[in-house]
C-alpha atoms as a PDB file:
ATOM      1  CA  MET A   1      47.965 197.335  32.456  1.00  0.00           C
ATOM      2  CA  LYS A   2      46.882 196.342  35.963  1.00  0.00           C
ATOM      3  CA  ILE A   3      43.669 194.298  35.955  1.00  0.00           C
ATOM      4  CA  ALA A   4      41.423 193.066  38.777  1.00  0.00           C
ATOM      5  CA  ILE A   5      39.048 190.119  38.388  1.00  0.00           C
ATOM      6  CA  ILE A   6      36.304 189.989  41.017  1.00  0.00           C
ATOM      7  CA  ASP A   7      34.298 186.761  40.836  1.00  0.00           C
ATOM      8  CA  ASP A   8      33.337 184.230  43.513  1.00  0.00           C
ATOM      9  CA  SER A   9      33.715 181.355  41.034  1.00  0.00           C
ATOM     10  CA  LYS A  10      37.247 179.966  40.651  1.00  0.00           C
ATOM     11  CA  ILE A  11      36.249 178.431  37.320  1.00  0.00           C
ATOM     12  CA  GLU A  12      35.120 181.806  35.979  1.00  0.00           C
ATOM     13  CA  GLN A  13      38.280 183.451  37.311  1.00  0.00           C
ATOM     14  CA  GLU A  14      40.478 180.945  35.473  1.00  0.00           C
ATOM     15  CA  ARG A  15      38.448 181.287  32.319  1.00  0.00           C
ATOM     16  CA  LEU A  16      38.819 185.058  32.257  1.00  0.00           C
ATOM     17  CA  LEU A  17      42.491 184.873  33.244  1.00  0.00           C
ATOM     18  CA  ASN A  18      43.111 182.648  30.251  1.00  0.00           C
ATOM     19  CA  CYS A  19      41.283 185.046  27.902  1.00  0.00           C
ATOM     20  CA  ILE A  20      43.275 188.007  29.239  1.00  0.00           C
ATOM     21  CA  SER A  21      46.548 186.084  28.858  1.00  0.00           C
ATOM     22  CA  VAL A  22      45.736 185.239  25.239  1.00  0.00           C
ATOM     23  CA  TRP A  23      44.904 188.887  24.521  1.00  0.00           C
ATOM     24  CA  ALA A  24      48.057 190.155  26.264  1.00  0.00           C
ATOM     25  CA  GLN A  25      50.276 187.904  24.173  1.00  0.00           C
ATOM     26  CA  SER A  26      48.574 188.723  20.888  1.00  0.00           C
ATOM     27  CA  SER A  27      48.494 192.484  21.539  1.00  0.00           C
ATOM     28  CA  GLY A  28      51.980 192.720  23.043  1.00  0.00           C
ATOM     29  CA  THR A  29      50.635 194.275  26.229  1.00  0.00           C
ATOM     30  CA  PHE A  30      52.235 193.833  29.641  1.00  0.00           C
ATOM     31  CA  VAL A  31      49.470 192.790  32.050  1.00  0.00           C
ATOM     32  CA  ASN A  32      49.490 192.323  35.823  1.00  0.00           C
ATOM     33  CA  THR A  33      46.301 190.556  36.966  1.00  0.00           C
ATOM     34  CA  GLU A  34      44.953 189.997  40.489  1.00  0.00           C
ATOM     35  CA  THR A  35      41.919 187.878  41.374  1.00  0.00           C
ATOM     36  CA  PHE A  36      39.436 188.384  44.212  1.00  0.00           C
ATOM     37  CA  ASP A  37      36.949 185.801  45.478  1.00  0.00           C
ATOM     38  CA  SER A  38      34.465 188.347  46.808  1.00  0.00           C
ATOM     39  CA  GLY A  39      33.420 191.955  46.663  1.00  0.00           C
ATOM     40  CA  GLU A  40      34.573 192.339  50.261  1.00  0.00           C
ATOM     41  CA  SER A  41      38.146 191.221  49.537  1.00  0.00           C
ATOM     42  CA  PHE A  42      38.351 193.581  46.576  1.00  0.00           C
ATOM     43  CA  VAL A  43      37.053 196.552  48.559  1.00  0.00           C
ATOM     44  CA  ARG A  44      39.607 195.918  51.327  1.00  0.00           C
ATOM     45  CA  THR A  45      42.495 196.286  48.904  1.00  0.00           C
ATOM     46  CA  LEU A  46      41.313 199.645  47.529  1.00  0.00           C
ATOM     47  CA  GLN A  47      43.061 201.528  50.338  1.00  0.00           C
ATOM     48  CA  LYS A  48      46.460 200.419  49.031  1.00  0.00           C
ATOM     49  CA  ALA A  49      45.989 199.357  45.397  1.00  0.00           C
ATOM     50  CA  ARG A  50      44.785 200.908  42.167  1.00  0.00           C
ATOM     51  CA  PHE A  51      43.746 199.139  38.967  1.00  0.00           C
ATOM     52  CA  ASP A  52      43.477 200.232  35.367  1.00  0.00           C
ATOM     53  CA  VAL A  53      40.638 197.777  34.659  1.00  0.00           C
ATOM     54  CA  ALA A  54      38.270 195.844  36.926  1.00  0.00           C
ATOM     55  CA  PHE A  55      36.169 192.931  35.653  1.00  0.00           C
ATOM     56  CA  MET A  56      33.317 192.750  38.154  1.00  0.00           C
ATOM     57  CA  ASP A  57      30.852 189.873  38.389  1.00  0.00           C
ATOM     58  CA  ILE A  58      27.487 191.290  39.411  1.00  0.00           C
ATOM     59  CA  ILE A  59      25.935 188.291  41.169  1.00  0.00           C
ATOM     60  CA  MET A  60      28.136 187.194  44.088  1.00  0.00           C
ATOM     61  CA  ASP A  61      27.532 185.925  47.595  1.00  0.00           C
ATOM     62  CA  GLY A  62      27.901 188.624  50.223  1.00  0.00           C
ATOM     63  CA  LYS A  63      28.642 192.036  48.719  1.00  0.00           C
ATOM     64  CA  THR A  64      27.271 192.128  45.168  1.00  0.00           C
ATOM     65  CA  GLY A  65      29.207 193.482  42.221  1.00  0.00           C
ATOM     66  CA  ILE A  66      27.026 196.608  42.221  1.00  0.00           C
ATOM     67  CA  GLU A  67      27.794 197.249  45.897  1.00  0.00           C
ATOM     68  CA  ALA A  68      31.524 196.630  45.379  1.00  0.00           C
ATOM     69  CA  ALA A  69      31.470 198.965  42.369  1.00  0.00           C
ATOM     70  CA  ARG A  70      29.923 201.739  44.469  1.00  0.00           C
ATOM     71  CA  CYS A  71      32.766 201.343  46.971  1.00  0.00           C
ATOM     72  CA  LEU A  72      35.261 201.453  44.100  1.00  0.00           C
ATOM     73  CA  ARG A  73      33.828 204.730  42.860  1.00  0.00           C
ATOM     74  CA  GLU A  74      34.079 206.249  46.338  1.00  0.00           C
ATOM     75  CA  ASN A  75      37.842 205.598  46.197  1.00  0.00           C
ATOM     76  CA  ASP A  76      38.659 205.726  42.490  1.00  0.00           C
ATOM     77  CA  LEU A  77      36.957 207.365  39.522  1.00  0.00           C
ATOM     78  CA  ASP A  78      39.570 206.322  36.975  1.00  0.00           C
ATOM     79  CA  THR A  79      39.413 202.517  36.935  1.00  0.00           C
ATOM     80  CA  LEU A  80      37.648 201.201  33.838  1.00  0.00           C
ATOM     81  CA  LEU A  81      34.833 199.083  35.248  1.00  0.00           C
ATOM     82  CA  ILE A  82      33.605 196.150  33.169  1.00  0.00           C
ATOM     83  CA  PHE A  83      30.639 194.265  34.557  1.00  0.00           C
ATOM     84  CA  ILE A  84      30.194 190.539  33.929  1.00  0.00           C
ATOM     85  CA  THR A  85      26.631 189.249  34.101  1.00  0.00           C
ATOM     86  CA  THR A  86      24.292 186.504  32.988  1.00  0.00           C
ATOM     87  CA  SER A  87      21.382 188.887  32.471  1.00  0.00           C
ATOM     88  CA  PRO A  88      20.969 192.454  31.175  1.00  0.00           C
ATOM     89  CA  GLU A  89      18.340 193.173  33.854  1.00  0.00           C
ATOM     90  CA  PHE A  90      21.035 194.531  36.199  1.00  0.00           C
ATOM     91  CA  MET A  91      22.298 197.154  33.772  1.00  0.00           C
ATOM     92  CA  ALA A  92      19.999 199.853  35.163  1.00  0.00           C
ATOM     93  CA  GLN A  93      21.593 199.384  38.591  1.00  0.00           C
ATOM     94  CA  ALA A  94      25.072 199.313  37.071  1.00  0.00           C
ATOM     95  CA  PHE A  95      24.659 202.559  35.132  1.00  0.00           C
ATOM     96  CA  PRO A  96      25.276 204.972  38.079  1.00  0.00           C
ATOM     97  CA  CYS A  97      28.594 203.190  38.736  1.00  0.00           C
ATOM     98  CA  HIS A  98      29.974 204.630  35.477  1.00  0.00           C
ATOM     99  CA  ALA A  99      30.691 201.290  33.862  1.00  0.00           C
ATOM    100  CA  PHE A 100      32.982 201.277  30.841  1.00  0.00           C
ATOM    101  CA  ASP A 101      31.369 198.155  29.335  1.00  0.00           C
ATOM    102  CA  TYR A 102      29.711 194.889  30.252  1.00  0.00           C
ATOM    103  CA  ILE A 103      30.174 191.289  29.125  1.00  0.00           C
ATOM    104  CA  MET A 104      27.407 188.744  29.039  1.00  0.00           C
ATOM    105  CA  LYS A 105      28.124 185.164  30.143  1.00  0.00           C
ATOM    106  CA  PRO A 106      29.019 182.941  28.434  1.00  0.00           C
ATOM    107  CA  TYR A 107      31.496 185.216  26.681  1.00  0.00           C
ATOM    108  CA  THR A 108      33.966 184.436  23.912  1.00  0.00           C
ATOM    109  CA  GLN A 109      37.646 185.205  23.450  1.00  0.00           C
ATOM    110  CA  GLU A 110      36.662 187.663  20.722  1.00  0.00           C
ATOM    111  CA  ARG A 111      34.388 189.577  23.119  1.00  0.00           C
ATOM    112  CA  VAL A 112      37.139 189.869  25.739  1.00  0.00           C
ATOM    113  CA  ASP A 113      39.638 190.903  23.055  1.00  0.00           C
ATOM    114  CA  ARG A 114      37.303 193.645  21.897  1.00  0.00           C
ATOM    115  CA  VAL A 115      36.697 195.135  25.328  1.00  0.00           C
ATOM    116  CA  LEU A 116      40.400 195.023  26.216  1.00  0.00           C
ATOM    117  CA  ASP A 117      41.317 196.664  22.931  1.00  0.00           C
ATOM    118  CA  ASP A 118      38.845 199.429  23.771  1.00  0.00           C
ATOM    119  CA  ALA A 119      40.227 199.702  27.316  1.00  0.00           C
ATOM    120  CA  LYS A 120      43.795 199.933  26.071  1.00  0.00           C
ATOM    121  CA  ARG A 121      42.859 202.768  23.727  1.00  0.00           C
ATOM    122  CA  ALA A 122      40.955 204.547  26.483  1.00  0.00           C
ATOM    123  CA  LEU A 123      43.850 204.275  28.893  1.00  0.00           C
ATOM    124  CA  GLY A 124      46.292 205.462  26.278  1.00  0.00           C
ATOM    125  CA  LYS A 125      48.875 202.988  27.449  1.00  0.00           C
ATOM    126  CA  ARG A 126      50.934 204.588  26.271  1.00  0.00           C
ATOM    127  CA  GLY A 127      53.976 203.552  27.773  1.00  0.00           C
ATOM    128  CA  GLU A 128      57.153 201.859  27.429  1.00  0.00           C
ATOM    129  CA  VAL A 129      57.940 198.967  29.739  1.00  0.00           C
ATOM    130  CA  ILE A 130      61.306 198.782  31.494  1.00  0.00           C
ATOM    131  CA  GLU A 131      62.724 195.759  33.314  1.00  0.00           C
ATOM    132  CA  ILE A 132      64.426 196.424  36.649  1.00  0.00           C
ATOM    133  CA  ALA A 133      66.026 193.581  38.590  1.00  0.00           C
ATOM    134  CA  GLY A 134      63.717 191.064  36.917  1.00  0.00           C
ATOM    135  CA  GLU A 135      60.532 193.100  37.441  1.00  0.00           C
ATOM    136  CA  LYS A 136      58.665 195.100  34.799  1.00  0.00           C
ATOM    137  CA  PHE A 137      57.512 198.690  35.217  1.00  0.00           C
ATOM    138  CA  LEU A 138      55.729 201.185  32.988  1.00  0.00           C
ATOM    139  CA  LEU A 139      58.070 204.152  32.598  1.00  0.00           C
ATOM    140  CA  SER A 140      55.057 206.455  32.845  1.00  0.00           C
ATOM    141  CA  ASP A 141      54.264 204.996  36.306  1.00  0.00           C
ATOM    142  CA  ILE A 142      57.662 205.785  37.845  1.00  0.00           C
ATOM    143  CA  LEU A 143      57.759 208.995  39.905  1.00  0.00           C
ATOM    144  CA  TYR A 144      61.290 208.967  41.324  1.00  0.00           C
ATOM    145  CA  ILE A 145      63.972 206.690  42.749  1.00  0.00           C
ATOM    146  CA  TYR A 146      66.262 206.802  45.781  1.00  0.00           C
ATOM    147  CA  SER A 147      69.473 204.931  46.434  1.00  0.00           C
ATOM    148  CA  ASP A 148      69.592 202.753  49.539  1.00  0.00           C
ATOM    149  CA  SER A 149      72.995 201.064  49.803  1.00  0.00           C
ATOM    150  CA  ASN A 150      72.973 198.159  47.322  1.00  0.00           C
ATOM    151  CA  TYR A 151      69.251 198.651  46.725  1.00  0.00           C
ATOM    152  CA  CYS A 152      67.041 201.251  45.084  1.00  0.00           C
ATOM    153  CA  GLU A 153      63.631 202.404  46.253  1.00  0.00           C
ATOM    154  CA  ILE A 154      61.364 202.913  43.247  1.00  0.00           C
ATOM    155  CA  TYR A 155      58.370 205.147  43.903  1.00  0.00           C
ATOM    156  CA  THR A 156      55.525 204.698  41.428  1.00  0.00           C
ATOM    157  CA  LYS A 157      51.932 205.823  41.076  1.00  0.00           C
ATOM    158  CA  ARG A 158      50.959 202.484  42.625  1.00  0.00           C
ATOM    159  CA  GLY A 159      53.318 202.387  45.574  1.00  0.00           C
ATOM    160  CA  LYS A 160      56.939 201.739  46.449  1.00  0.00           C
ATOM    161  CA  ARG A 161      59.210 198.824  45.505  1.00  0.00           C
ATOM    162  CA  LYS A 162      62.677 198.150  46.921  1.00  0.00           C
ATOM    163  CA  LEU A 163      64.881 196.151  44.561  1.00  0.00           C
ATOM    164  CA  ARG A 164      68.483 194.975  44.677  1.00  0.00           C
ATOM    165  CA  ILE A 165      70.165 197.075  41.998  1.00  0.00           C
ATOM    166  CA  SER A 166      72.828 199.764  42.228  1.00  0.00           C
ATOM    167  CA  PHE A 167      71.797 203.370  41.788  1.00  0.00           C
ATOM    168  CA  THR A 168      74.434 203.796  39.080  1.00  0.00           C
ATOM    169  CA  GLU A 169      73.028 200.937  37.014  1.00  0.00           C
ATOM    170  CA  LEU A 170      69.406 201.980  37.421  1.00  0.00           C
ATOM    171  CA  SER A 171      69.988 205.697  36.847  1.00  0.00           C
ATOM    172  CA  GLU A 172      71.912 204.972  33.645  1.00  0.00           C
ATOM    173  CA  LYS A 173      69.029 202.802  32.459  1.00  0.00           C
ATOM    174  CA  LEU A 174      66.429 205.470  33.269  1.00  0.00           C
ATOM    175  CA  THR A 175      68.288 208.547  32.023  1.00  0.00           C
ATOM    176  CA  ALA A 176      68.528 206.952  28.605  1.00  0.00           C
ATOM    177  CA  HIS A 177      64.949 208.270  28.409  1.00  0.00           C
ATOM    178  CA  PRO A 178      64.491 212.068  28.097  1.00  0.00           C
ATOM    179  CA  SER A 179      62.020 212.359  30.958  1.00  0.00           C
ATOM    180  CA  PHE A 180      64.470 211.183  33.659  1.00  0.00           C
ATOM    181  CA  MET A 181      67.301 213.019  35.370  1.00  0.00           C
ATOM    182  CA  VAL A 182      69.584 212.533  38.364  1.00  0.00           C
ATOM    183  CA  VAL A 183      68.924 215.584  40.554  1.00  0.00           C
ATOM    184  CA  GLY A 184      71.104 214.822  43.536  1.00  0.00           C
ATOM    185  CA  ARG A 185      73.208 212.201  45.182  1.00  0.00           C
ATOM    186  CA  GLY A 186      71.205 208.987  45.005  1.00  0.00           C
ATOM    187  CA  ALA A 187      68.038 210.619  43.645  1.00  0.00           C
ATOM    188  CA  ALA A 188      66.498 210.655  40.169  1.00  0.00           C
ATOM    189  CA  ILE A 189      63.107 211.922  39.014  1.00  0.00           C
ATOM    190  CA  ASN A 190      60.684 211.569  36.129  1.00  0.00           C
ATOM    191  CA  PHE A 191      59.937 215.063  34.762  1.00  0.00           C
ATOM    192  CA  ASP A 192      56.724 213.724  33.213  1.00  0.00           C
ATOM    193  CA  ASN A 193      55.440 213.140  36.750  1.00  0.00           C
ATOM    194  CA  THR A 194      56.816 216.396  38.179  1.00  0.00           C
ATOM    195  CA  SER A 195      54.362 219.169  39.017  1.00  0.00           C
ATOM    196  CA  HIS A 196      56.853 222.006  39.553  1.00  0.00           C
ATOM    197  CA  ILE A 197      60.135 222.966  41.173  1.00  0.00           C
ATOM    198  CA  SER A 198      59.980 224.843  44.457  1.00  0.00           C
ATOM    199  CA  ASP A 199      63.170 226.173  46.054  1.00  0.00           C
ATOM    200  CA  LEU A 200      65.429 223.108  46.173  1.00  0.00           C
ATOM    201  CA  ASP A 201      62.690 220.500  45.729  1.00  0.00           C
ATOM    202  CA  CYS A 202      61.074 218.805  42.776  1.00  0.00           C
ATOM    203  CA  VAL A 203      57.392 218.530  43.670  1.00  0.00           C
ATOM    204  CA  MET A 204      55.911 215.397  42.176  1.00  0.00           C
ATOM    205  CA  THR A 205      52.349 215.031  40.903  1.00  0.00           C
ATOM    206  CA  ASN A 206      51.425 213.025  44.018  1.00  0.00           C
ATOM    207  CA  GLY A 207      52.706 215.800  46.313  1.00  0.00           C
ATOM    208  CA  ASP A 208      55.995 214.130  47.300  1.00  0.00           C
ATOM    209  CA  ARG A 209      59.070 216.364  47.343  1.00  0.00           C
ATOM    210  CA  VAL A 210      62.461 215.199  46.081  1.00  0.00           C
ATOM    211  CA  PRO A 211      65.457 217.334  47.153  1.00  0.00           C
ATOM    212  CA  VAL A 212      67.697 218.756  44.423  1.00  0.00           C
ATOM    213  CA  SER A 213      71.369 219.435  45.143  1.00  0.00           C
ATOM    214  CA  ARG A 214      72.305 223.125  45.092  1.00  0.00           C
ATOM    215  CA  ARG A 215      74.876 222.622  42.372  1.00  0.00           C
ATOM    216  CA  LYS A 216      72.264 221.005  40.097  1.00  0.00           C
ATOM    217  CA  ILE A 217      69.250 223.237  40.725  1.00  0.00           C
ATOM    218  CA  LYS A 218      69.710 225.514  37.675  1.00  0.00           C
ATOM    219  CA  GLU A 219      70.430 222.524  35.412  1.00  0.00           C
ATOM    220  CA  THR A 220      67.370 220.723  36.804  1.00  0.00           C
ATOM    221  CA  GLU A 221      65.094 223.737  36.296  1.00  0.00           C
ATOM    222  CA  GLN A 222      66.262 224.138  32.702  1.00  0.00           C
ATOM    223  CA  ALA A 223      65.848 220.420  31.968  1.00  0.00           C
ATOM    224  CA  PHE A 224      62.335 220.484  33.480  1.00  0.00           C
ATOM    225  CA  TYR A 225      61.242 223.427  31.317  1.00  0.00           C
ATOM    226  CA  ASP A 226      62.855 221.893  28.238  1.00  0.00           C
ATOM    227  CA  ARG A 227      60.903 218.700  28.827  1.00  0.00           C
ATOM    228  CA  GLN A 228      57.625 220.596  29.196  1.00  0.00           C
ATOM    229  CA  PHE A 229      58.345 222.400  25.931  1.00  0.00           C
ATOM    230  CA  GLN A 230      59.089 219.111  24.142  1.00  0.00           C
ATOM    231  CA  LYS A 231      55.802 217.647  25.363  1.00  0.00           C
ATOM    232  CA  MET A 232      53.895 220.735  24.240  1.00  0.00           C
ATOM    233  CA  LEU A 233      55.411 220.526  20.763  1.00  0.00           C
ATOM    234  CA  SER A 234      54.577 216.820  20.476  1.00  0.00           C
ATOM    235  CA  LYS A 235      50.889 217.632  20.984  1.00  0.00           C
ATOM    236  CA  GLU A 236      50.751 220.178  18.172  1.00  0.00           C
END
């Protein structure tokens, strides 16, 4: 779960960070948290970053939490927005920003636990965590991987990471899961994040195209359809 904390008070940031850490340990949830000292700094990162949850202080110097939330919604409708405030009088302004919840200061560990439990259920996360070269990834976030000499480029829903690990080692680790398959020399994909197969390409849900080797195209097509069928059955 990727979480943003937007608050111009370092003390409040640390307090919330501690509450989130306690919840993550007790719930067994992998959490990646980033802090922002202003609405402006948070808005600047929206062009390159996405968050599952954003804790937004309403009263801040410069761009207010309401203004920052409006910018968030222009870029992202999926982030669960949780306002932090000292007074309920701002809730009318916050309502059009499609807030998931709000927390009144001073809040307790129990209140943070409750809202994060709700957020986790809403997000459906859902996913298994895999460790790659010392870094942790949600399997459901991985789109595809490419080999690059002694490194691998890992393309996820949140961007690209290049890590020092052999393609053989990483592909063996990934293909232990039924949603992954090696489709060509130095290329593996996640069928759960594949939209369709067109000619000799796997078209991913973000529009990227991953080439499939000619000798593996029929095997890849069959594996893709088998995976879709498995997912359909699991929902019944």
